[in-house]
């Protein structure tokens, strides 16, 4: 088989075209990869605002954690000032301060299993299974029950009342 010079010239030009196409394809793929990388590095992606239900659950859980830490000012910060819940926390604080006169070490374990949350405008109620265990002076007292926590939206946060 005899191959003419013109045919070889066409093959060489075709090779050059293929080489340029590969280079362009490489650049297109590279730009797409860089674009995807930069889109993925936008500070953690899209931040969705917490739903009211998630905020309510968070408030109840943080309330229990603050009780466990016996951080009474923090516990009160999760309550509407002057509400029944606020004054119940004040009484709990007084009880534990009195107990400290007799025992140096007092522990509290408070836990709320949130079973249902319903929201009506700026008011909400959460049905929970609550467990509180207090130990001190070698004794313990426990209370477990199903109960409702009532919350009110104050500004953009929920507070117990």
Protein backbone atom coordinates (compact mmCIF):
# COMPACT_ATOMS: atom_id res chain seq x y z
CA UNK A 1 0.00 0.00 0.00
CA UNK A 2 1.37 3.33 -1.03
CA UNK A 3 0.61 6.36 1.15
CA UNK A 4 0.83 9.70 -0.55
CA UNK A 5 2.39 12.78 1.00
CA UNK A 6 -0.93 14.60 0.91
CA UNK A 7 -2.55 11.83 2.94
CA UNK A 8 0.28 11.95 5.48
CA UNK A 9 -0.13 15.74 5.70
CA UNK A 10 -3.80 15.33 6.47
CA UNK A 11 -3.02 12.76 9.17
CA UNK A 12 -0.50 15.15 10.77
CA UNK A 13 -3.05 18.01 10.70
CA UNK A 14 -5.65 15.67 12.21
CA UNK A 15 -3.21 14.75 14.99
CA UNK A 16 -2.67 18.46 15.71
CA UNK A 17 -6.44 19.06 15.82
CA UNK A 18 -6.89 16.14 18.22
CA UNK A 19 -4.04 17.44 20.37
CA UNK A 20 -5.64 20.94 20.54
CA UNK A 21 -9.03 19.40 21.36
CA UNK A 22 -7.49 17.36 24.19
CA UNK A 23 -5.85 20.53 25.53
CA UNK A 24 -9.18 22.42 25.39
CA UNK A 25 -11.03 19.51 26.99
CA UNK A 26 -8.41 19.38 29.74
CA UNK A 27 -8.86 23.11 30.38
CA UNK A 28 -12.66 22.78 30.48
CA UNK A 29 -12.46 19.88 32.95
CA UNK A 30 -9.91 21.78 35.05
CA UNK A 31 -12.15 24.87 35.19
CA UNK A 32 -15.14 22.72 36.20
CA UNK A 33 -13.13 21.02 38.97
CA UNK A 34 -11.91 24.37 40.29
CA UNK A 35 -15.47 25.76 40.19
CA UNK A 36 -16.80 22.78 42.13
CA UNK A 37 -13.97 23.06 44.65
CA UNK A 38 -14.58 26.77 45.20
CA UNK A 39 -18.33 26.24 45.54
CA UNK A 40 -17.65 23.58 48.18
CA UNK A 41 -15.42 25.96 50.16
CA UNK A 42 -18.01 28.63 50.78
CA UNK A 43 -17.64 28.54 54.57
CA UNK A 44 -19.45 25.33 55.39
CA UNK A 45 -22.10 25.30 52.71
CA UNK A 46 -25.61 26.59 53.06
CA UNK A 47 -26.58 27.33 56.63
CA UNK A 48 -30.23 26.63 57.22
CA UNK A 49 -31.86 28.44 60.12
CA UNK A 50 -32.95 26.28 63.02
CA UNK A 51 -36.64 25.54 63.09
CA UNK A 52 -38.69 26.62 66.06
CA UNK A 53 -39.10 22.98 67.08
CA UNK A 54 -35.32 22.50 67.08
CA UNK A 55 -34.87 25.69 69.10
CA UNK A 56 -37.46 24.53 71.65
CA UNK A 57 -35.77 21.15 72.05
CA UNK A 58 -32.42 22.86 72.41
CA UNK A 59 -33.73 25.19 75.14
CA UNK A 60 -35.15 22.28 77.14
CA UNK A 61 -31.95 20.25 76.81
CA UNK A 62 -29.75 23.24 77.73
CA UNK A 63 -32.05 23.96 80.69
CA UNK A 64 -31.48 20.42 81.99
CA UNK A 65 -27.72 20.66 81.43
CA UNK A 66 -27.58 23.94 83.37
CA UNK A 67 -29.48 22.26 86.24
CA UNK A 68 -26.94 19.41 86.18
CA UNK A 69 -24.13 21.98 86.39
CA UNK A 70 -26.03 23.83 89.14
CA UNK A 71 -25.48 27.03 87.19
CA UNK A 72 -28.57 28.78 88.52
CA UNK A 73 -28.12 32.05 86.63
CA UNK A 74 -27.94 30.08 83.38
CA UNK A 75 -30.98 27.99 84.35
CA UNK A 76 -32.92 31.21 85.01
CA UNK A 77 -31.80 32.64 81.66
CA UNK A 78 -33.83 29.90 79.94
CA UNK A 79 -36.98 31.11 81.75
CA UNK A 80 -39.28 34.07 81.23
CA UNK A 81 -38.40 36.48 84.05
CA UNK A 82 -41.09 36.50 86.74
CA UNK A 83 -42.86 33.37 85.44
CA UNK A 84 -43.86 30.36 87.55
CA UNK A 85 -40.94 28.40 86.08
CA UNK A 86 -38.52 31.21 86.97
CA UNK A 87 -39.69 31.22 90.60
CA UNK A 88 -39.56 27.41 90.74
CA UNK A 89 -35.89 27.64 89.73
CA UNK A 90 -35.33 30.26 92.47
CA UNK A 91 -36.86 27.85 95.01
CA UNK A 92 -34.71 25.00 93.69
CA UNK A 93 -31.62 27.19 94.04
CA UNK A 94 -32.56 28.03 97.66
CA UNK A 95 -33.15 24.35 98.40
CA UNK A 96 -29.72 23.38 97.12
CA UNK A 97 -28.01 26.26 98.92
CA UNK A 98 -29.63 25.08 102.15
CA UNK A 99 -28.63 21.47 101.44
CA UNK A 100 -25.02 22.61 100.99
CA UNK A 101 -25.04 23.67 104.65
CA UNK A 102 -25.33 19.98 105.58
CA UNK A 103 -23.54 18.25 102.70
CA UNK A 104 -20.46 19.40 100.86
CA UNK A 105 -21.20 17.41 97.72
CA UNK A 106 -24.60 17.47 96.08
CA UNK A 107 -25.19 16.20 92.56
CA UNK A 108 -28.17 16.63 90.30
CA UNK A 109 -28.96 14.64 87.19
CA UNK A 110 -31.81 16.15 85.20
CA UNK A 111 -32.94 14.71 81.89
CA UNK A 112 -35.91 15.41 79.63
CA UNK A 113 -36.93 13.05 76.84
CA UNK A 114 -38.94 15.32 74.54
CA UNK A 115 -41.78 13.28 73.06
CA UNK A 116 -43.85 15.92 71.27
CA UNK A 117 -43.68 19.64 70.54
CA UNK A 118 -46.63 21.75 69.45
CA UNK A 119 -46.38 25.41 68.52
CA UNK A 120 -49.16 28.00 68.44
CA UNK A 121 -47.79 31.38 67.41
CA UNK A 122 -45.46 32.64 70.14
CA UNK A 123 -46.49 29.91 72.57
CA UNK A 124 -45.48 26.28 72.63
CA UNK A 125 -45.81 23.20 74.74
CA UNK A 126 -43.47 20.23 74.84
CA UNK A 127 -44.61 16.90 76.22
CA UNK A 128 -41.66 15.28 77.98
CA UNK A 129 -40.62 12.41 80.19
CA UNK A 130 -38.56 14.12 82.88
CA UNK A 131 -36.18 12.46 85.33
CA UNK A 132 -34.41 14.29 88.15
CA UNK A 133 -32.12 12.55 90.64
CA UNK A 134 -30.48 14.42 93.49
CA UNK A 135 -27.79 12.85 95.68
CA UNK A 136 -26.12 14.18 98.81
CA UNK A 137 -24.96 12.98 102.25
CA UNK A 138 -25.21 9.38 101.07
CA UNK A 139 -28.92 9.76 100.29
CA UNK A 140 -30.78 10.25 97.03
CA UNK A 141 -34.12 11.58 95.96
CA UNK A 142 -35.61 10.96 92.53
CA UNK A 143 -38.61 12.13 90.61
CA UNK A 144 -39.68 10.89 87.19
CA UNK A 145 -42.86 11.86 85.42
CA UNK A 146 -44.52 12.78 82.16
CA UNK A 147 -45.14 16.50 82.05
CA UNK A 148 -45.55 19.51 79.80
CA UNK A 149 -43.01 22.30 79.52
CA UNK A 150 -44.63 25.54 78.39
CA UNK A 151 -42.57 27.98 76.36
CA UNK A 152 -42.97 31.51 75.03
CA UNK A 153 -41.08 33.06 72.15
CA UNK A 154 -39.23 36.15 73.32
CA UNK A 155 -37.50 37.92 70.44
CA UNK A 156 -35.97 35.14 68.39
CA UNK A 157 -35.53 32.64 71.25
CA UNK A 158 -37.82 30.40 73.25
CA UNK A 159 -38.04 30.56 77.05
CA UNK A 160 -39.78 28.37 79.61
CA UNK A 161 -42.55 29.94 81.65
